[in-house]
Each structure stands twice: as C-alpha cells, then as structure tokens.
C-alpha cells in the first residue's frame, strides 16, 4: 500500500499543474516550510511548500534566485537544481532532483587524497557561483555577534559546557572589535552550503547545488565557514593538526582554491568559523558525539 501523504501535501499534489504527481515520502516538516519527495511524469522531484510570511513572494524570489544561480554556474559540470513548476498563490515550488549523491555521503567514505580533491571541487563550484556578483563592502561583525548571543540565550540544558562557551564568546567579542569596518568581499552565494546541499555525480563529474537560500549579498567567507564547521562536527575523531579549529587538511583543501578567498579575508573567515561552530554546538543537544567534536574544535579555535 503506497504511503499516505499529510492532508496538506495531498491537496498540493492534486493541483492541476501537478497532474499525475505521486507522493513518495515526507522529508521535512517545519513551521517555515515543508518538503516532500514526489514522482512527476515517472521521475523523482521535490515539492516545497512555503509557509512563512508571504509564501507567494518566497516562491517567486526562490525561483528567480535559482535561475540567477544557473546562469552563473552555466548548468554544465557546475549546476543548480531548477524549478519544474511554480504555483506562487499556493506557496508551492516543485524542483528537479539532483543527480548523484550528497557530498556528505561521498566525503564520509573518501580517503584523504580523494577527500581533499572533492573539497577543492566544492570550492571551485562556489567560486563560479559567486564570481559574477562579487563586490567589496564593509564588514559588520556586530550582526554575527548578536546572532551568536541570541542563540546562546535560547539554549538550555546541563549538557552545555558553560565555561567553554563563555571563553568562546569572549574570543568572538575580542575579534569582532578588531574587525569593525574591515573590508569584506560579498556575493550572492549559496546561503546554506553544507555537504548535504551539494550533490556529486561520480559518473558525469557534475556538481549540483540544492536548497539555495535567498539572493542577499553575504560574505564569501560565510559559506566557507559553514561548510568547514559542519565537517568538523562529523569527523571520525578530532584532527591532530588544525587551523582555526578546523582539520588542517580540510581547511587547506578548500581555502587554497585559487581565487576563492582573498588573503585579507582570512580574519573574517576565522571569526565566522567561530560563529558557525558555536551555532552547531548549541544545535545538537541530543547528539553527544557530534557535540564533543565541536567542543574540541571550539577549544582549538580559541587557542
């Protein structure tokens, strides 16, 4: 017997624009959006139902951002998933499936040389995505510091190492003070670049981004910091050699991609790595192993 979709999804699958669509499974159900896998014309696809603020506007902006990213990437060896159907008044966007497997899966089983190569490949994808929109501006560390402070205020539980977090916040504040007014390189980037959100097709050599966020100009260093901090919480064991709390091999493989990150952006990258590490640490109360790896990474970052 096929799985029965939630009522709200069943209504969307029955839209005239999605005639013949079949529900497969629910992937995510959050206050801001719901995501489910469907089959459309015999092929896998993904239905996103936006619920936040103005869903119709969100659909239109997301669709526009995907086409903008596709133009930057070229849709050859570097690509992004594209919309198949858009129903703004229903808050619905249907996306094609990315070929291959999540980079997270590939990285988890890759040997050191292969892992370094793949991280460099992700860096090249990010470089191509951001190249057309890069610009210089003024860095505002207070925004990111406030975000870290707000996350800490809402975090509860005796699992939190309060001494470690206090030391981490003190270091973030000190570095934020030094970075006020610094020149920052910004671009229309991915916005949520994790190995789960970028697929690698071993057969064709194609790299495809999914779950692109907005189109706002953000520090180029932000997606790099997010990716590196995500990886650090999923290592088999802490790395013997680190740079800014990140395994040196991973850091070098990504940051050394020619043209990806200007040398004067390294202090901003370090600061944002600290922000991302703290966020991930506070987000995993039920994942003691991941939390332990991130705690060790935070200690190394402080040092």
C-alpha atoms as a PDB file:
ATOM      1  CA  UNK A   1       0.000   0.000   0.000  1.00  0.00           C
ATOM      2  CA  UNK A   2       1.553   3.361  -1.018  1.00  0.00           C
ATOM      3  CA  UNK A   3       2.351   5.866   1.780  1.00  0.00           C
ATOM      4  CA  UNK A   4      -0.431   8.315   2.527  1.00  0.00           C
ATOM      5  CA  UNK A   5       0.663  11.957   2.341  1.00  0.00           C
ATOM      6  CA  UNK A   6      -0.289  14.502   5.004  1.00  0.00           C
ATOM      7  CA  UNK A   7      -3.571  16.229   4.161  1.00  0.00           C
ATOM      8  CA  UNK A   8      -1.901  19.489   3.192  1.00  0.00           C
ATOM      9  CA  UNK A   9       0.509  17.718   0.820  1.00  0.00           C
ATOM     10  CA  UNK A  10      -2.297  15.655  -0.722  1.00  0.00           C
ATOM     11  CA  UNK A  11      -4.083  18.892  -1.608  1.00  0.00           C
ATOM     12  CA  UNK A  12      -0.973  20.282  -3.272  1.00  0.00           C
ATOM     13  CA  UNK A  13      -0.221  17.108  -5.221  1.00  0.00           C
ATOM     14  CA  UNK A  14      -3.733  17.318  -6.607  1.00  0.00           C
ATOM     15  CA  UNK A  15      -3.118  20.761  -8.154  1.00  0.00           C
ATOM     16  CA  UNK A  16      -3.868  20.858 -11.923  1.00  0.00           C
ATOM     17  CA  UNK A  17      -0.254  21.899 -12.591  1.00  0.00           C
ATOM     18  CA  UNK A  18       0.901  18.666 -10.950  1.00  0.00           C
ATOM     19  CA  UNK A  19      -1.477  16.275 -12.673  1.00  0.00           C
ATOM     20  CA  UNK A  20      -0.292  12.715 -12.222  1.00  0.00           C
ATOM     21  CA  UNK A  21       2.100  13.505  -9.380  1.00  0.00           C
ATOM     22  CA  UNK A  22       2.567  10.732  -6.820  1.00  0.00           C
ATOM     23  CA  UNK A  23       3.568  11.304  -3.216  1.00  0.00           C
ATOM     24  CA  UNK A  24       6.621   9.295  -2.107  1.00  0.00           C
ATOM     25  CA  UNK A  25       7.672  10.495   1.355  1.00  0.00           C
ATOM     26  CA  UNK A  26       7.851  13.452   3.698  1.00  0.00           C
ATOM     27  CA  UNK A  27      11.386  14.771   4.118  1.00  0.00           C
ATOM     28  CA  UNK A  28      10.950  17.858   6.276  1.00  0.00           C
ATOM     29  CA  UNK A  29       8.091  19.490   8.132  1.00  0.00           C
ATOM     30  CA  UNK A  30       8.972  22.794   9.760  1.00  0.00           C
ATOM     31  CA  UNK A  31       6.996  25.940  10.594  1.00  0.00           C
ATOM     32  CA  UNK A  32       8.566  27.812   7.670  1.00  0.00           C
ATOM     33  CA  UNK A  33       8.308  25.108   5.021  1.00  0.00           C
ATOM     34  CA  UNK A  34       7.531  21.501   4.215  1.00  0.00           C
ATOM     35  CA  UNK A  35       9.460  19.340   1.753  1.00  0.00           C
ATOM     36  CA  UNK A  36       8.369  16.018   0.311  1.00  0.00           C
ATOM     37  CA  UNK A  37       9.590  13.734  -2.433  1.00  0.00           C
ATOM     38  CA  UNK A  38       7.171  13.046  -5.272  1.00  0.00           C
ATOM     39  CA  UNK A  39       7.245  11.361  -8.653  1.00  0.00           C
ATOM     40  CA  UNK A  40       6.251  13.517 -11.591  1.00  0.00           C
ATOM     41  CA  UNK A  41       5.954  12.025 -15.077  1.00  0.00           C
ATOM     42  CA  UNK A  42       7.783   8.964 -13.782  1.00  0.00           C
ATOM     43  CA  UNK A  43      10.781  10.924 -12.450  1.00  0.00           C
ATOM     44  CA  UNK A  44      11.746  11.936  -8.887  1.00  0.00           C
ATOM     45  CA  UNK A  45      11.071  15.547  -7.925  1.00  0.00           C
ATOM     46  CA  UNK A  46      10.722  17.581  -4.746  1.00  0.00           C
ATOM     47  CA  UNK A  47       7.744  19.641  -3.661  1.00  0.00           C
ATOM     48  CA  UNK A  48       8.461  22.573  -1.348  1.00  0.00           C
ATOM     49  CA  UNK A  49       5.539  24.170   0.443  1.00  0.00           C
ATOM     50  CA  UNK A  50       6.448  27.578   1.906  1.00  0.00           C
ATOM     51  CA  UNK A  51       4.530  28.783   4.944  1.00  0.00           C
ATOM     52  CA  UNK A  52       6.406  31.848   6.136  1.00  0.00           C
ATOM     53  CA  UNK A  53       5.237  35.478   5.848  1.00  0.00           C
ATOM     54  CA  UNK A  54       4.315  35.825   2.198  1.00  0.00           C
ATOM     55  CA  UNK A  55       4.608  32.353   0.613  1.00  0.00           C
ATOM     56  CA  UNK A  56       3.871  33.619  -2.906  1.00  0.00           C
ATOM     57  CA  UNK A  57       6.700  36.147  -2.698  1.00  0.00           C
ATOM     58  CA  UNK A  58       9.036  33.485  -1.306  1.00  0.00           C
ATOM     59  CA  UNK A  59       8.258  31.181  -4.232  1.00  0.00           C
ATOM     60  CA  UNK A  60       8.931  33.933  -6.755  1.00  0.00           C
ATOM     61  CA  UNK A  61      12.187  35.007  -5.113  1.00  0.00           C
ATOM     62  CA  UNK A  62      13.413  31.427  -4.765  1.00  0.00           C
ATOM     63  CA  UNK A  63      12.616  30.678  -8.386  1.00  0.00           C
ATOM     64  CA  UNK A  64      14.395  33.847  -9.534  1.00  0.00           C
ATOM     65  CA  UNK A  65      17.438  33.048  -7.414  1.00  0.00           C
ATOM     66  CA  UNK A  66      17.713  29.550  -8.868  1.00  0.00           C
ATOM     67  CA  UNK A  67      17.666  30.877 -12.419  1.00  0.00           C
ATOM     68  CA  UNK A  68      20.227  33.523 -11.490  1.00  0.00           C
ATOM     69  CA  UNK A  69      22.480  30.846  -9.982  1.00  0.00           C
ATOM     70  CA  UNK A  70      22.035  28.647 -13.049  1.00  0.00           C
ATOM     71  CA  UNK A  71      23.204  31.486 -15.261  1.00  0.00           C
ATOM     72  CA  UNK A  72      26.296  31.999 -13.103  1.00  0.00           C
ATOM     73  CA  UNK A  73      27.137  28.282 -12.993  1.00  0.00           C
ATOM     74  CA  UNK A  74      26.411  27.506 -16.634  1.00  0.00           C
ATOM     75  CA  UNK A  75      24.499  24.262 -15.907  1.00  0.00           C
ATOM     76  CA  UNK A  76      27.316  22.111 -17.249  1.00  0.00           C
ATOM     77  CA  UNK A  77      29.735  20.485 -14.816  1.00  0.00           C
ATOM     78  CA  UNK A  78      28.648  23.074 -12.238  1.00  0.00           C
ATOM     79  CA  UNK A  79      24.905  23.365 -11.768  1.00  0.00           C
ATOM     80  CA  UNK A  80      21.943  24.024  -9.502  1.00  0.00           C
ATOM     81  CA  UNK A  81      18.575  22.247  -9.429  1.00  0.00           C
ATOM     82  CA  UNK A  82      15.946  24.124 -11.410  1.00  0.00           C
ATOM     83  CA  UNK A  83      12.198  24.602 -10.842  1.00  0.00           C
ATOM     84  CA  UNK A  84       9.849  22.308 -12.734  1.00  0.00           C
ATOM     85  CA  UNK A  85       6.630  24.005 -11.628  1.00  0.00           C
ATOM     86  CA  UNK A  86       5.805  27.143  -9.673  1.00  0.00           C
ATOM     87  CA  UNK A  87       2.405  27.826  -8.068  1.00  0.00           C
ATOM     88  CA  UNK A  88       3.008  31.024  -6.084  1.00  0.00           C
ATOM     89  CA  UNK A  89      -0.563  31.518  -4.856  1.00  0.00           C
ATOM     90  CA  UNK A  90      -0.326  28.073  -3.219  1.00  0.00           C
ATOM     91  CA  UNK A  91       3.197  28.603  -1.881  1.00  0.00           C
ATOM     92  CA  UNK A  92       4.357  25.632  -3.965  1.00  0.00           C
ATOM     93  CA  UNK A  93       7.618  25.162  -5.824  1.00  0.00           C
ATOM     94  CA  UNK A  94       8.481  21.823  -7.455  1.00  0.00           C
ATOM     95  CA  UNK A  95      12.173  21.173  -8.124  1.00  0.00           C
ATOM     96  CA  UNK A  96      14.013  18.648 -10.218  1.00  0.00           C
ATOM     97  CA  UNK A  97      16.126  16.025  -8.441  1.00  0.00           C
ATOM     98  CA  UNK A  98      19.905  16.459  -8.321  1.00  0.00           C
ATOM     99  CA  UNK A  99      21.918  13.674  -9.951  1.00  0.00           C
ATOM    100  CA  UNK A 100      24.410  11.681  -7.908  1.00  0.00           C
ATOM    101  CA  UNK A 101      24.721  11.592  -4.137  1.00  0.00           C
ATOM    102  CA  UNK A 102      25.124  14.199  -1.379  1.00  0.00           C
ATOM    103  CA  UNK A 103      28.762  15.201  -0.948  1.00  0.00           C
ATOM    104  CA  UNK A 104      28.354  14.322   2.725  1.00  0.00           C
ATOM    105  CA  UNK A 105      27.981  10.662   1.766  1.00  0.00           C
ATOM    106  CA  UNK A 106      30.964  10.730  -0.569  1.00  0.00           C
ATOM    107  CA  UNK A 107      33.216  12.586   1.877  1.00  0.00           C
ATOM    108  CA  UNK A 108      32.372  10.208   4.722  1.00  0.00           C
ATOM    109  CA  UNK A 109      33.973   7.255   2.920  1.00  0.00           C
ATOM    110  CA  UNK A 110      36.674   9.071   0.953  1.00  0.00           C
ATOM    111  CA  UNK A 111      40.382   8.562   1.607  1.00  0.00           C
ATOM    112  CA  UNK A 112      42.458  11.634   2.440  1.00  0.00           C
ATOM    113  CA  UNK A 113      43.563  12.445  -1.114  1.00  0.00           C
ATOM    114  CA  UNK A 114      40.093  11.960  -2.547  1.00  0.00           C
ATOM    115  CA  UNK A 115      38.533  13.992   0.268  1.00  0.00           C
ATOM    116  CA  UNK A 116      40.894  16.896  -0.379  1.00  0.00           C
ATOM    117  CA  UNK A 117      40.159  16.777  -4.092  1.00  0.00           C
ATOM    118  CA  UNK A 118      36.404  16.775  -3.542  1.00  0.00           C
ATOM    119  CA  UNK A 119      36.573  19.720  -1.124  1.00  0.00           C
ATOM    120  CA  UNK A 120      38.580  21.595  -3.713  1.00  0.00           C
ATOM    121  CA  UNK A 121      35.917  20.731  -6.274  1.00  0.00           C
ATOM    122  CA  UNK A 122      33.252  22.213  -3.989  1.00  0.00           C
ATOM    123  CA  UNK A 123      35.412  25.308  -3.655  1.00  0.00           C
ATOM    124  CA  UNK A 124      35.614  25.629  -7.443  1.00  0.00           C
ATOM    125  CA  UNK A 125      31.804  25.323  -7.660  1.00  0.00           C
ATOM    126  CA  UNK A 126      31.422  28.085  -5.066  1.00  0.00           C
ATOM    127  CA  UNK A 127      33.924  30.284  -6.877  1.00  0.00           C
ATOM    128  CA  UNK A 128      31.986  30.001 -10.120  1.00  0.00           C
ATOM    129  CA  UNK A 129      28.677  30.704  -8.369  1.00  0.00           C
ATOM    130  CA  UNK A 130      29.941  33.865  -6.673  1.00  0.00           C
ATOM    131  CA  UNK A 131      32.206  35.255  -9.415  1.00  0.00           C
ATOM    132  CA  UNK A 132      29.626  37.389 -11.306  1.00  0.00           C
ATOM    133  CA  UNK A 133      28.327  39.191  -8.205  1.00  0.00           C
ATOM    134  CA  UNK A 134      31.436  39.766  -6.086  1.00  0.00           C
ATOM    135  CA  UNK A 135      31.846  43.209  -4.588  1.00  0.00           C
ATOM    136  CA  UNK A 136      33.651  44.881  -1.713  1.00  0.00           C
ATOM    137  CA  UNK A 137      31.879  46.355   1.275  1.00  0.00           C
ATOM    138  CA  UNK A 138      32.327  46.973   4.997  1.00  0.00           C
ATOM    139  CA  UNK A 139      32.131  44.056   7.403  1.00  0.00           C
ATOM    140  CA  UNK A 140      29.619  44.311  10.250  1.00  0.00           C
ATOM    141  CA  UNK A 141      30.757  41.829  12.932  1.00  0.00           C
ATOM    142  CA  UNK A 142      28.133  43.086  15.397  1.00  0.00           C
ATOM    143  CA  UNK A 143      25.365  41.403  13.341  1.00  0.00           C
ATOM    144  CA  UNK A 144      27.047  37.993  13.610  1.00  0.00           C
ATOM    145  CA  UNK A 145      27.991  38.510  17.240  1.00  0.00           C
ATOM    146  CA  UNK A 146      24.395  39.375  18.106  1.00  0.00           C
ATOM    147  CA  UNK A 147      23.211  36.247  16.306  1.00  0.00           C
ATOM    148  CA  UNK A 148      25.607  34.136  18.397  1.00  0.00           C
ATOM    149  CA  UNK A 149      24.461  35.821  21.611  1.00  0.00           C
ATOM    150  CA  UNK A 150      20.782  35.240  20.765  1.00  0.00           C
ATOM    151  CA  UNK A 151      21.406  31.558  20.062  1.00  0.00           C
ATOM    152  CA  UNK A 152      23.111  31.245  23.431  1.00  0.00           C
ATOM    153  CA  UNK A 153      20.239  32.966  25.244  1.00  0.00           C
ATOM    154  CA  UNK A 154      17.738  30.422  23.937  1.00  0.00           C
ATOM    155  CA  UNK A 155      19.955  27.375  24.567  1.00  0.00           C
ATOM    156  CA  UNK A 156      19.037  25.299  27.616  1.00  0.00           C
ATOM    157  CA  UNK A 157      20.339  22.139  29.224  1.00  0.00           C
ATOM    158  CA  UNK A 158      23.004  20.938  31.603  1.00  0.00           C
ATOM    159  CA  UNK A 159      24.865  19.423  28.638  1.00  0.00           C
ATOM    160  CA  UNK A 160      26.206  22.879  27.682  1.00  0.00           C
ATOM    161  CA  UNK A 161      29.799  23.466  28.778  1.00  0.00           C
ATOM    162  CA  UNK A 162      29.197  26.969  30.097  1.00  0.00           C
ATOM    163  CA  UNK A 163      32.869  27.661  30.786  1.00  0.00           C
ATOM    164  CA  UNK A 164      33.831  26.706  27.241  1.00  0.00           C
ATOM    165  CA  UNK A 165      31.007  28.771  25.747  1.00  0.00           C
ATOM    166  CA  UNK A 166      31.911  31.801  27.873  1.00  0.00           C
ATOM    167  CA  UNK A 167      35.519  31.600  26.705  1.00  0.00           C
ATOM    168  CA  UNK A 168      34.394  31.205  23.122  1.00  0.00           C
ATOM    169  CA  UNK A 169      32.109  34.239  23.336  1.00  0.00           C
ATOM    170  CA  UNK A 170      34.866  36.328  24.914  1.00  0.00           C
ATOM    171  CA  UNK A 171      37.161  35.497  21.995  1.00  0.00           C
ATOM    172  CA  UNK A 172      34.406  36.266  19.480  1.00  0.00           C
ATOM    173  CA  UNK A 173      33.835  39.678  21.095  1.00  0.00           C
ATOM    174  CA  UNK A 174      37.547  40.481  21.034  1.00  0.00           C
ATOM    175  CA  UNK A 175      37.847  39.582  17.353  1.00  0.00           C
ATOM    176  CA  UNK A 176      34.621  41.411  16.480  1.00  0.00           C
ATOM    177  CA  UNK A 177      36.120  44.585  17.933  1.00  0.00           C
ATOM    178  CA  UNK A 178      39.209  44.188  15.754  1.00  0.00           C
ATOM    179  CA  UNK A 179      37.147  43.530  12.612  1.00  0.00           C
ATOM    180  CA  UNK A 180      34.904  46.594  12.817  1.00  0.00           C
ATOM    181  CA  UNK A 181      34.998  48.407   9.495  1.00  0.00           C
ATOM    182  CA  UNK A 182      37.141  45.761   7.794  1.00  0.00           C
ATOM    183  CA  UNK A 183      36.845  45.363   4.033  1.00  0.00           C
ATOM    184  CA  UNK A 184      34.729  42.326   3.194  1.00  0.00           C
ATOM    185  CA  UNK A 185      34.175  40.538  -0.091  1.00  0.00           C
ATOM    186  CA  UNK A 186      30.490  39.780  -0.606  1.00  0.00           C
ATOM    187  CA  UNK A 187      28.500  37.932  -3.241  1.00  0.00           C
ATOM    188  CA  UNK A 188      25.182  36.267  -3.989  1.00  0.00           C
ATOM    189  CA  UNK A 189      26.282  32.902  -2.628  1.00  0.00           C
ATOM    190  CA  UNK A 190      24.565  29.657  -1.654  1.00  0.00           C
ATOM    191  CA  UNK A 191      23.485  30.730   1.826  1.00  0.00           C
ATOM    192  CA  UNK A 192      23.420  27.249   3.380  1.00  0.00           C
ATOM    193  CA  UNK A 193      26.408  25.438   1.906  1.00  0.00           C
ATOM    194  CA  UNK A 194      26.753  22.106   3.672  1.00  0.00           C
ATOM    195  CA  UNK A 195      27.801  18.755   2.164  1.00  0.00           C
ATOM    196  CA  UNK A 196      24.146  17.707   2.335  1.00  0.00           C
ATOM    197  CA  UNK A 197      23.230  20.547  -0.002  1.00  0.00           C
ATOM    198  CA  UNK A 198      25.671  19.896  -2.803  1.00  0.00           C
ATOM    199  CA  UNK A 199      25.490  16.689  -4.851  1.00  0.00           C
ATOM    200  CA  UNK A 200      28.318  14.948  -6.677  1.00  0.00           C
ATOM    201  CA  UNK A 201      27.711  12.711  -9.686  1.00  0.00           C
ATOM    202  CA  UNK A 202      30.678  10.366  -9.997  1.00  0.00           C
ATOM    203  CA  UNK A 203      29.655   9.212 -13.468  1.00  0.00           C
ATOM    204  CA  UNK A 204      29.423  12.617 -15.145  1.00  0.00           C
ATOM    205  CA  UNK A 205      31.587  14.731 -12.862  1.00  0.00           C
ATOM    206  CA  UNK A 206      28.689  17.130 -12.320  1.00  0.00           C
ATOM    207  CA  UNK A 207      28.302  19.064  -9.071  1.00  0.00           C
ATOM    208  CA  UNK A 208      24.797  20.352  -8.300  1.00  0.00           C
ATOM    209  CA  UNK A 209      23.633  22.659  -5.538  1.00  0.00           C
ATOM    210  CA  UNK A 210      20.279  22.294  -3.817  1.00  0.00           C
ATOM    211  CA  UNK A 211      18.417  24.330  -1.170  1.00  0.00           C
ATOM    212  CA  UNK A 212      19.770  27.684  -2.312  1.00  0.00           C
ATOM    213  CA  UNK A 213      18.888  30.452   0.125  1.00  0.00           C
ATOM    214  CA  UNK A 214      17.606  33.879  -0.944  1.00  0.00           C
ATOM    215  CA  UNK A 215      19.836  36.095  -3.042  1.00  0.00           C
ATOM    216  CA  UNK A 216      21.216  38.512  -0.481  1.00  0.00           C
ATOM    217  CA  UNK A 217      24.826  39.620  -0.695  1.00  0.00           C
ATOM    218  CA  UNK A 218      26.712  37.801   2.078  1.00  0.00           C
ATOM    219  CA  UNK A 219      30.412  37.456   2.923  1.00  0.00           C
ATOM    220  CA  UNK A 220      32.035  34.923   0.622  1.00  0.00           C
ATOM    221  CA  UNK A 221      33.753  33.618   3.765  1.00  0.00           C
ATOM    222  CA  UNK A 222      30.393  32.709   5.337  1.00  0.00           C
ATOM    223  CA  UNK A 223      29.607  29.672   3.180  1.00  0.00           C
ATOM    224  CA  UNK A 224      33.221  28.508   3.525  1.00  0.00           C
ATOM    225  CA  UNK A 225      32.997  28.814   7.307  1.00  0.00           C
ATOM    226  CA  UNK A 226      29.666  26.993   7.402  1.00  0.00           C
ATOM    227  CA  UNK A 227      30.969  24.102   5.303  1.00  0.00           C
ATOM    228  CA  UNK A 228      34.143  23.698   7.375  1.00  0.00           C
ATOM    229  CA  UNK A 229      32.355  23.889  10.726  1.00  0.00           C
ATOM    230  CA  UNK A 230      29.762  21.335   9.533  1.00  0.00           C
ATOM    231  CA  UNK A 231      32.548  18.933   8.566  1.00  0.00           C
ATOM    232  CA  UNK A 232      34.319  19.331  11.903  1.00  0.00           C
ATOM    233  CA  UNK A 233      31.287  18.067  13.789  1.00  0.00           C
ATOM    234  CA  UNK A 234      31.208  14.859  11.770  1.00  0.00           C
ATOM    235  CA  UNK A 235      34.792  13.657  11.788  1.00  0.00           C
ATOM    236  CA  UNK A 236      35.604  10.081  12.911  1.00  0.00           C
ATOM    237  CA  UNK A 237      37.916  11.642  15.530  1.00  0.00           C
ATOM    238  CA  UNK A 238      39.487  15.051  16.250  1.00  0.00           C
ATOM    239  CA  UNK A 239      42.218  16.059  13.806  1.00  0.00           C
ATOM    240  CA  UNK A 240      45.811  16.086  15.041  1.00  0.00           C
ATOM    241  CA  UNK A 241      46.599  19.334  13.220  1.00  0.00           C
ATOM    242  CA  UNK A 242      44.109  22.196  12.961  1.00  0.00           C
ATOM    243  CA  UNK A 243      43.822  25.699  11.559  1.00  0.00           C
ATOM    244  CA  UNK A 244      41.304  27.935  13.336  1.00  0.00           C
ATOM    245  CA  UNK A 245      39.801  24.814  14.919  1.00  0.00           C
ATOM    246  CA  UNK A 246      39.354  23.058  11.565  1.00  0.00           C
ATOM    247  CA  UNK A 247      41.274  19.982  10.417  1.00  0.00           C
ATOM    248  CA  UNK A 248      44.236  21.467   8.553  1.00  0.00           C
ATOM    249  CA  UNK A 249      43.801  19.126   5.585  1.00  0.00           C
ATOM    250  CA  UNK A 250      40.158  20.168   5.103  1.00  0.00           C
ATOM    251  CA  UNK A 251      40.942  23.849   5.632  1.00  0.00           C
ATOM    252  CA  UNK A 252      43.788  23.884   3.114  1.00  0.00           C
ATOM    253  CA  UNK A 253      41.875  21.856   0.515  1.00  0.00           C
ATOM    254  CA  UNK A 254      39.015  24.347   0.446  1.00  0.00           C
ATOM    255  CA  UNK A 255      40.644  27.696   1.206  1.00  0.00           C
ATOM    256  CA  UNK A 256      43.574  27.193  -1.159  1.00  0.00           C
ATOM    257  CA  UNK A 257      41.327  27.057  -4.254  1.00  0.00           C
ATOM    258  CA  UNK A 258      42.781  29.886  -6.383  1.00  0.00           C
ATOM    259  CA  UNK A 259      40.562  32.962  -6.368  1.00  0.00           C
ATOM    260  CA  UNK A 260      38.057  31.663  -3.825  1.00  0.00           C
ATOM    261  CA  UNK A 261      39.121  33.740  -0.823  1.00  0.00           C
ATOM    262  CA  UNK A 262      41.407  36.784  -0.823  1.00  0.00           C
ATOM    263  CA  UNK A 263      44.181  36.728   1.777  1.00  0.00           C
ATOM    264  CA  UNK A 264      42.785  39.755   3.617  1.00  0.00           C
ATOM    265  CA  UNK A 265      39.551  37.801   4.225  1.00  0.00           C
ATOM    266  CA  UNK A 266      41.233  35.202   6.430  1.00  0.00           C
ATOM    267  CA  UNK A 267      40.497  37.054   9.737  1.00  0.00           C
ATOM    268  CA  UNK A 268      36.822  37.312   8.707  1.00  0.00           C
ATOM    269  CA  UNK A 269      36.784  33.618   7.833  1.00  0.00           C
ATOM    270  CA  UNK A 270      38.267  32.775  11.243  1.00  0.00           C
ATOM    271  CA  UNK A 271      35.636  34.894  13.020  1.00  0.00           C
ATOM    272  CA  UNK A 272      32.760  33.325  11.050  1.00  0.00           C
ATOM    273  CA  UNK A 273      34.115  29.820  11.703  1.00  0.00           C
ATOM    274  CA  UNK A 274      33.823  30.669  15.406  1.00  0.00           C
ATOM    275  CA  UNK A 275      30.216  31.837  14.928  1.00  0.00           C
ATOM    276  CA  UNK A 276      29.265  28.712  12.967  1.00  0.00           C
ATOM    277  CA  UNK A 277      30.953  26.340  15.426  1.00  0.00           C
ATOM    278  CA  UNK A 278      29.024  27.799  18.341  1.00  0.00           C
ATOM    279  CA  UNK A 279      25.750  27.621  16.408  1.00  0.00           C
ATOM    280  CA  UNK A 280      26.246  23.964  15.509  1.00  0.00           C
ATOM    281  CA  UNK A 281      27.329  23.113  19.071  1.00  0.00           C
ATOM    282  CA  UNK A 282      24.170  24.634  20.554  1.00  0.00           C
ATOM    283  CA  UNK A 283      22.034  22.875  17.931  1.00  0.00           C
ATOM    284  CA  UNK A 284      22.896  19.310  18.933  1.00  0.00           C
ATOM    285  CA  UNK A 285      21.639  18.606  22.476  1.00  0.00           C
ATOM    286  CA  UNK A 286      20.769  15.009  21.520  1.00  0.00           C
ATOM    287  CA  UNK A 287      23.996  14.299  19.621  1.00  0.00           C
ATOM    288  CA  UNK A 288      26.705  13.869  22.258  1.00  0.00           C
ATOM    289  CA  UNK A 289      29.338  12.593  19.839  1.00  0.00           C
ATOM    290  CA  UNK A 290      28.922  15.497  17.439  1.00  0.00           C
ATOM    291  CA  UNK A 291      28.791  17.887  20.377  1.00  0.00           C
ATOM    292  CA  UNK A 292      32.057  16.519  21.712  1.00  0.00           C
ATOM    293  CA  UNK A 293      33.805  17.006  18.376  1.00  0.00           C
ATOM    294  CA  UNK A 294      32.549  20.571  18.137  1.00  0.00           C
ATOM    295  CA  UNK A 295      33.605  21.304  21.727  1.00  0.00           C
ATOM    296  CA  UNK A 296      37.138  20.164  20.896  1.00  0.00           C
ATOM    297  CA  UNK A 297      37.074  22.250  17.718  1.00  0.00           C
ATOM    298  CA  UNK A 298      35.992  25.299  19.742  1.00  0.00           C
ATOM    299  CA  UNK A 299      38.891  24.779  22.168  1.00  0.00           C
ATOM    300  CA  UNK A 300      41.282  24.622  19.240  1.00  0.00           C
ATOM    301  CA  UNK A 301      39.672  27.725  17.713  1.00  0.00           C
ATOM    302  CA  UNK A 302      40.188  29.685  20.934  1.00  0.00           C
ATOM    303  CA  UNK A 303      43.834  28.592  21.079  1.00  0.00           C
END
